[in-house]
Amino acid sequence: MPTKPFDNHRAAALAVLTGANRLTRKAGSFLGQCVADPTPLTPAQSEWLANLLKRADLPPLVDA
């Protein structure tokens, strides 16, 4: 498991998706979008990703 903060949202989303965490369909769809779309996240999306990382016991995303 990674221990240093993620430097981009794609890597963070991939870590959550490939982990052994139970995800809702909505969360899985959101994470898949984060992986495929390089567009910067909105503040609400950043917060959602941060919560998913925390629930998965993964390091946070580096603040840009």
PDB file of N, CA and C in Angstrom:
ATOM      1  N   MET A   1       0.847  -1.181   0.000  1.00  0.00           N
ATOM      2  CA  MET A   1       0.000   0.000   0.000  1.00  0.00           C
ATOM      3  C   MET A   1       0.886   1.235   0.000  1.00  0.00           C
ATOM      4  N   PRO A   2       0.552   2.202  -0.822  1.00  0.00           N
ATOM      5  CA  PRO A   2       1.341   3.438  -0.855  1.00  0.00           C
ATOM      6  C   PRO A   2       1.290   4.154   0.490  1.00  0.00           C
ATOM      7  N   THR A   3       2.375   4.801   0.852  1.00  0.00           N
ATOM      8  CA  THR A   3       2.394   5.535   2.116  1.00  0.00           C
ATOM      9  C   THR A   3       2.574   7.030   1.931  1.00  0.00           C
ATOM     10  N   LYS A   4       3.097   7.451   0.782  1.00  0.00           N
ATOM     11  CA  LYS A   4       3.240   8.890   0.561  1.00  0.00           C
ATOM     12  C   LYS A   4       2.023   9.404  -0.204  1.00  0.00           C
ATOM     13  N   PRO A   5       1.708  10.670  -0.047  1.00  0.00           N
ATOM     14  CA  PRO A   5       0.518  11.226  -0.715  1.00  0.00           C
ATOM     15  C   PRO A   5       0.569  11.063  -2.233  1.00  0.00           C
ATOM     16  N   PHE A   6      -0.601  10.914  -2.837  1.00  0.00           N
ATOM     17  CA  PHE A   6      -0.711  10.802  -4.286  1.00  0.00           C
ATOM     18  C   PHE A   6      -0.495  12.170  -4.901  1.00  0.00           C
ATOM     19  N   ASP A   7       0.243  12.210  -6.025  1.00  0.00           N
ATOM     20  CA  ASP A   7       0.506  13.508  -6.651  1.00  0.00           C
ATOM     21  C   ASP A   7      -0.475  13.853  -7.768  1.00  0.00           C
ATOM     22  N   ASN A   8      -1.393  12.933  -8.101  1.00  0.00           N
ATOM     23  CA  ASN A   8      -2.424  13.250  -9.091  1.00  0.00           C
ATOM     24  C   ASN A   8      -3.681  12.433  -8.834  1.00  0.00           C
ATOM     25  N   HIS A   9      -4.800  12.942  -9.300  1.00  0.00           N
ATOM     26  CA  HIS A   9      -6.066  12.277  -8.991  1.00  0.00           C
ATOM     27  C   HIS A   9      -6.221  10.953  -9.724  1.00  0.00           C
ATOM     28  N   ARG A  10      -5.555  10.780 -10.860  1.00  0.00           N
ATOM     29  CA  ARG A  10      -5.643   9.517 -11.591  1.00  0.00           C
ATOM     30  C   ARG A  10      -5.039   8.375 -10.765  1.00  0.00           C
ATOM     31  N   ALA A  11      -3.848   8.582 -10.240  1.00  0.00           N
ATOM     32  CA  ALA A  11      -3.191   7.558  -9.430  1.00  0.00           C
ATOM     33  C   ALA A  11      -3.998   7.245  -8.169  1.00  0.00           C
ATOM     34  N   ALA A  12      -4.544   8.276  -7.558  1.00  0.00           N
ATOM     35  CA  ALA A  12      -5.340   8.084  -6.351  1.00  0.00           C
ATOM     36  C   ALA A  12      -6.599   7.266  -6.656  1.00  0.00           C
ATOM     37  N   ALA A  13      -7.288   7.609  -7.744  1.00  0.00           N
ATOM     38  CA  ALA A  13      -8.501   6.887  -8.116  1.00  0.00           C
ATOM     39  C   ALA A  13      -8.197   5.430  -8.461  1.00  0.00           C
ATOM     40  N   LEU A  14      -7.098   5.201  -9.172  1.00  0.00           N
ATOM     41  CA  LEU A  14      -6.710   3.826  -9.504  1.00  0.00           C
ATOM     42  C   LEU A  14      -6.444   3.004  -8.248  1.00  0.00           C
ATOM     43  N   ALA A  15      -5.808   3.611  -7.273  1.00  0.00           N
ATOM     44  CA  ALA A  15      -5.519   2.900  -6.022  1.00  0.00           C
ATOM     45  C   ALA A  15      -6.800   2.483  -5.322  1.00  0.00           C
ATOM     46  N   VAL A  16      -7.788   3.357  -5.304  1.00  0.00           N
ATOM     47  CA  VAL A  16      -9.060   3.003  -4.670  1.00  0.00           C
ATOM     48  C   VAL A  16      -9.760   1.902  -5.465  1.00  0.00           C
ATOM     49  N   LEU A  17      -9.775   2.052  -6.793  1.00  0.00           N
ATOM     50  CA  LEU A  17     -10.444   1.063  -7.644  1.00  0.00           C
ATOM     51  C   LEU A  17      -9.815  -0.325  -7.543  1.00  0.00           C
ATOM     52  N   THR A  18      -8.505  -0.398  -7.437  1.00  0.00           N
ATOM     53  CA  THR A  18      -7.833  -1.694  -7.417  1.00  0.00           C
ATOM     54  C   THR A  18      -7.705  -2.280  -6.021  1.00  0.00           C
ATOM     55  N   GLY A  19      -8.142  -1.540  -5.022  1.00  0.00           N
ATOM     56  CA  GLY A  19      -8.099  -2.040  -3.655  1.00  0.00           C
ATOM     57  C   GLY A  19      -9.239  -3.012  -3.388  1.00  0.00           C
ATOM     58  N   ALA A  20      -9.248  -3.541  -2.200  1.00  0.00           N
ATOM     59  CA  ALA A  20     -10.265  -4.515  -1.806  1.00  0.00           C
ATOM     60  C   ALA A  20     -11.431  -3.840  -1.096  1.00  0.00           C
ATOM     61  N   ASN A  21     -11.764  -2.643  -1.546  1.00  0.00           N
ATOM     62  CA  ASN A  21     -12.823  -1.873  -0.896  1.00  0.00           C
ATOM     63  C   ASN A  21     -14.143  -2.078  -1.613  1.00  0.00           C
ATOM     64  N   ARG A  22     -15.207  -2.075  -0.847  1.00  0.00           N
ATOM     65  CA  ARG A  22     -16.542  -2.131  -1.447  1.00  0.00           C
ATOM     66  C   ARG A  22     -16.917  -0.722  -1.860  1.00  0.00           C
ATOM     67  N   LEU A  23     -17.346  -0.603  -3.103  1.00  0.00           N
ATOM     68  CA  LEU A  23     -17.718   0.700  -3.647  1.00  0.00           C
ATOM     69  C   LEU A  23     -19.141   0.654  -4.173  1.00  0.00           C
ATOM     70  N   THR A  24     -19.812   1.767  -4.079  1.00  0.00           N
ATOM     71  CA  THR A  24     -21.113   1.875  -4.725  1.00  0.00           C
ATOM     72  C   THR A  24     -20.890   2.032  -6.225  1.00  0.00           C
ATOM     73  N   ARG A  25     -21.930   1.815  -6.989  1.00  0.00           N
ATOM     74  CA  ARG A  25     -21.839   2.004  -8.434  1.00  0.00           C
ATOM     75  C   ARG A  25     -21.479   3.453  -8.752  1.00  0.00           C
ATOM     76  N   LYS A  26     -22.070   4.371  -8.011  1.00  0.00           N
ATOM     77  CA  LYS A  26     -21.809   5.800  -8.230  1.00  0.00           C
ATOM     78  C   LYS A  26     -20.338   6.136  -7.944  1.00  0.00           C
ATOM     79  N   ALA A  27     -19.807   5.608  -6.849  1.00  0.00           N
ATOM     80  CA  ALA A  27     -18.402   5.865  -6.512  1.00  0.00           C
ATOM     81  C   ALA A  27     -17.482   5.240  -7.554  1.00  0.00           C
ATOM     82  N   GLY A  28     -17.790   4.021  -8.000  1.00  0.00           N
ATOM     83  CA  GLY A  28     -16.982   3.371  -9.029  1.00  0.00           C
ATOM     84  C   GLY A  28     -16.991   4.147 -10.328  1.00  0.00           C
ATOM     85  N   SER A  29     -18.143   4.668 -10.695  1.00  0.00           N
ATOM     86  CA  SER A  29     -18.255   5.468 -11.906  1.00  0.00           C
ATOM     87  C   SER A  29     -17.438   6.753 -11.787  1.00  0.00           C
ATOM     88  N   PHE A  30     -17.534   7.396 -10.649  1.00  0.00           N
ATOM     89  CA  PHE A  30     -16.768   8.614 -10.404  1.00  0.00           C
ATOM     90  C   PHE A  30     -15.270   8.341 -10.483  1.00  0.00           C
ATOM     91  N   LEU A  31     -14.819   7.265  -9.845  1.00  0.00           N
ATOM     92  CA  LEU A  31     -13.399   6.935  -9.857  1.00  0.00           C
ATOM     93  C   LEU A  31     -12.920   6.602 -11.267  1.00  0.00           C
ATOM     94  N   GLY A  32     -13.744   5.897 -12.034  1.00  0.00           N
ATOM     95  CA  GLY A  32     -13.400   5.595 -13.414  1.00  0.00           C
ATOM     96  C   GLY A  32     -13.257   6.862 -14.239  1.00  0.00           C
ATOM     97  N   GLN A  33     -14.128   7.815 -13.995  1.00  0.00           N
ATOM     98  CA  GLN A  33     -14.046   9.100 -14.689  1.00  0.00           C
ATOM     99  C   GLN A  33     -12.754   9.824 -14.298  1.00  0.00           C
ATOM    100  N   CYS A  34     -12.393   9.748 -13.036  1.00  0.00           N
ATOM    101  CA  CYS A  34     -11.150  10.388 -12.582  1.00  0.00           C
ATOM    102  C   CYS A  34      -9.936   9.782 -13.282  1.00  0.00           C
ATOM    103  N   VAL A  35      -9.981   8.479 -13.522  1.00  0.00           N
ATOM    104  CA  VAL A  35      -8.870   7.804 -14.193  1.00  0.00           C
ATOM    105  C   VAL A  35      -8.792   8.218 -15.659  1.00  0.00           C
ATOM    106  N   ALA A  36      -9.934   8.309 -16.323  1.00  0.00           N
ATOM    107  CA  ALA A  36      -9.968   8.541 -17.771  1.00  0.00           C
ATOM    108  C   ALA A  36      -9.889  10.008 -18.172  1.00  0.00           C
ATOM    109  N   ASP A  37     -10.308  10.915 -17.310  1.00  0.00           N
ATOM    110  CA  ASP A  37     -10.414  12.330 -17.678  1.00  0.00           C
ATOM    111  C   ASP A  37      -9.360  13.156 -16.937  1.00  0.00           C
ATOM    112  N   PRO A  38      -8.422  13.762 -17.663  1.00  0.00           N
ATOM    113  CA  PRO A  38      -7.369  14.541 -16.999  1.00  0.00           C
ATOM    114  C   PRO A  38      -7.815  15.927 -16.526  1.00  0.00           C
ATOM    115  N   THR A  39      -9.065  16.290 -16.785  1.00  0.00           N
ATOM    116  CA  THR A  39      -9.567  17.598 -16.363  1.00  0.00           C
ATOM    117  C   THR A  39      -9.422  17.751 -14.844  1.00  0.00           C
ATOM    118  N   PRO A  40      -8.972  18.907 -14.376  1.00  0.00           N
ATOM    119  CA  PRO A  40      -8.859  19.109 -12.920  1.00  0.00           C
ATOM    120  C   PRO A  40     -10.203  18.898 -12.218  1.00  0.00           C
ATOM    121  N   LEU A  41     -10.129  18.397 -11.007  1.00  0.00           N
ATOM    122  CA  LEU A  41     -11.340  18.145 -10.225  1.00  0.00           C
ATOM    123  C   LEU A  41     -11.904  19.444  -9.664  1.00  0.00           C
ATOM    124  N   THR A  42     -13.210  19.473  -9.530  1.00  0.00           N
ATOM    125  CA  THR A  42     -13.850  20.589  -8.851  1.00  0.00           C
ATOM    126  C   THR A  42     -13.600  20.430  -7.356  1.00  0.00           C
ATOM    127  N   PRO A  43     -13.834  21.461  -6.567  1.00  0.00           N
ATOM    128  CA  PRO A  43     -13.678  21.318  -5.117  1.00  0.00           C
ATOM    129  C   PRO A  43     -14.546  20.185  -4.538  1.00  0.00           C
ATOM    130  N   ALA A  44     -15.770  20.041  -5.033  1.00  0.00           N
ATOM    131  CA  ALA A  44     -16.641  18.974  -4.532  1.00  0.00           C
ATOM    132  C   ALA A  44     -16.088  17.596  -4.905  1.00  0.00           C
ATOM    133  N   GLN A  45     -15.572  17.461  -6.123  1.00  0.00           N
ATOM    134  CA  GLN A  45     -14.989  16.185  -6.550  1.00  0.00           C
ATOM    135  C   GLN A  45     -13.731  15.868  -5.747  1.00  0.00           C
ATOM    136  N   SER A  46     -12.920  16.875  -5.487  1.00  0.00           N
ATOM    137  CA  SER A  46     -11.711  16.676  -4.680  1.00  0.00           C
ATOM    138  C   SER A  46     -12.066  16.186  -3.281  1.00  0.00           C
ATOM    139  N   GLU A  47     -13.119  16.758  -2.722  1.00  0.00           N
ATOM    140  CA  GLU A  47     -13.554  16.347  -1.385  1.00  0.00           C
ATOM    141  C   GLU A  47     -14.060  14.904  -1.403  1.00  0.00           C
ATOM    142  N   TRP A  48     -14.813  14.542  -2.439  1.00  0.00           N
ATOM    143  CA  TRP A  48     -15.328  13.182  -2.551  1.00  0.00           C
ATOM    144  C   TRP A  48     -14.165  12.192  -2.682  1.00  0.00           C
ATOM    145  N   LEU A  49     -13.193  12.508  -3.517  1.00  0.00           N
ATOM    146  CA  LEU A  49     -12.039  11.631  -3.677  1.00  0.00           C
ATOM    147  C   LEU A  49     -11.272  11.518  -2.360  1.00  0.00           C
ATOM    148  N   ALA A  50     -11.114  12.615  -1.671  1.00  0.00           N
ATOM    149  CA  ALA A  50     -10.427  12.595  -0.370  1.00  0.00           C
ATOM    150  C   ALA A  50     -11.153  11.672   0.612  1.00  0.00           C
ATOM    151  N   ASN A  51     -12.475  11.720   0.619  1.00  0.00           N
ATOM    152  CA  ASN A  51     -13.236  10.848   1.508  1.00  0.00           C
ATOM    153  C   ASN A  51     -13.094   9.376   1.123  1.00  0.00           C
ATOM    154  N   LEU A  52     -13.096   9.100  -0.178  1.00  0.00           N
ATOM    155  CA  LEU A  52     -12.920   7.716  -0.635  1.00  0.00           C
ATOM    156  C   LEU A  52     -11.527   7.195  -0.271  1.00  0.00           C
ATOM    157  N   LEU A  53     -10.522   8.032  -0.405  1.00  0.00           N
ATOM    158  CA  LEU A  53      -9.167   7.637  -0.020  1.00  0.00           C
ATOM    159  C   LEU A  53      -9.087   7.353   1.476  1.00  0.00           C
ATOM    160  N   LYS A  54      -9.708   8.196   2.257  1.00  0.00           N
ATOM    161  CA  LYS A  54      -9.694   8.023   3.718  1.00  0.00           C
ATOM    162  C   LYS A  54     -10.387   6.716   4.108  1.00  0.00           C
ATOM    163  N   ARG A  55     -11.564   6.466   3.507  1.00  0.00           N
ATOM    164  CA  ARG A  55     -12.298   5.226   3.791  1.00  0.00           C
ATOM    165  C   ARG A  55     -11.509   3.992   3.397  1.00  0.00           C
ATOM    166  N   ALA A  56     -10.712   4.105   2.339  1.00  0.00           N
ATOM    167  CA  ALA A  56      -9.908   2.977   1.859  1.00  0.00           C
ATOM    168  C   ALA A  56      -8.580   2.866   2.615  1.00  0.00           C
ATOM    169  N   ASP A  57      -8.365   3.738   3.584  1.00  0.00           N
ATOM    170  CA  ASP A  57      -7.136   3.766   4.374  1.00  0.00           C
ATOM    171  C   ASP A  57      -5.914   3.974   3.489  1.00  0.00           C
ATOM    172  N   LEU A  58      -6.053   4.891   2.541  1.00  0.00           N
ATOM    173  CA  LEU A  58      -4.963   5.251   1.628  1.00  0.00           C
ATOM    174  C   LEU A  58      -4.498   6.667   1.930  1.00  0.00           C
ATOM    175  N   PRO A  59      -3.290   7.010   1.508  1.00  0.00           N
ATOM    176  CA  PRO A  59      -2.787   8.375   1.747  1.00  0.00           C
ATOM    177  C   PRO A  59      -3.626   9.404   0.989  1.00  0.00           C
ATOM    178  N   PRO A  60      -3.560  10.631   1.413  1.00  0.00           N
ATOM    179  CA  PRO A  60      -4.340  11.695   0.760  1.00  0.00           C
ATOM    180  C   PRO A  60      -3.732  12.104  -0.581  1.00  0.00           C
ATOM    181  N   LEU A  61      -4.448  12.933  -1.279  1.00  0.00           N
ATOM    182  CA  LEU A  61      -3.984  13.554  -2.522  1.00  0.00           C
ATOM    183  C   LEU A  61      -3.231  14.811  -2.141  1.00  0.00           C
ATOM    184  N   VAL A  62      -2.087  15.048  -2.758  1.00  0.00           N
ATOM    185  CA  VAL A  62      -1.307  16.264  -2.506  1.00  0.00           C
ATOM    186  C   VAL A  62      -2.134  17.471  -2.934  1.00  0.00           C
ATOM    187  N   ASP A  63      -2.170  18.480  -2.095  1.00  0.00           N
ATOM    188  CA  ASP A  63      -2.868  19.715  -2.460  1.00  0.00           C
ATOM    189  C   ASP A  63      -2.086  20.426  -3.537  1.00  0.00           C
ATOM    190  N   ALA A  64      -2.817  20.880  -4.567  1.00  0.00           N
ATOM    191  CA  ALA A  64      -2.138  21.582  -5.675  1.00  0.00           C
ATOM    192  C   ALA A  64      -1.993  23.038  -5.377  1.00  0.00           C
TER     193      ALA A  64
END
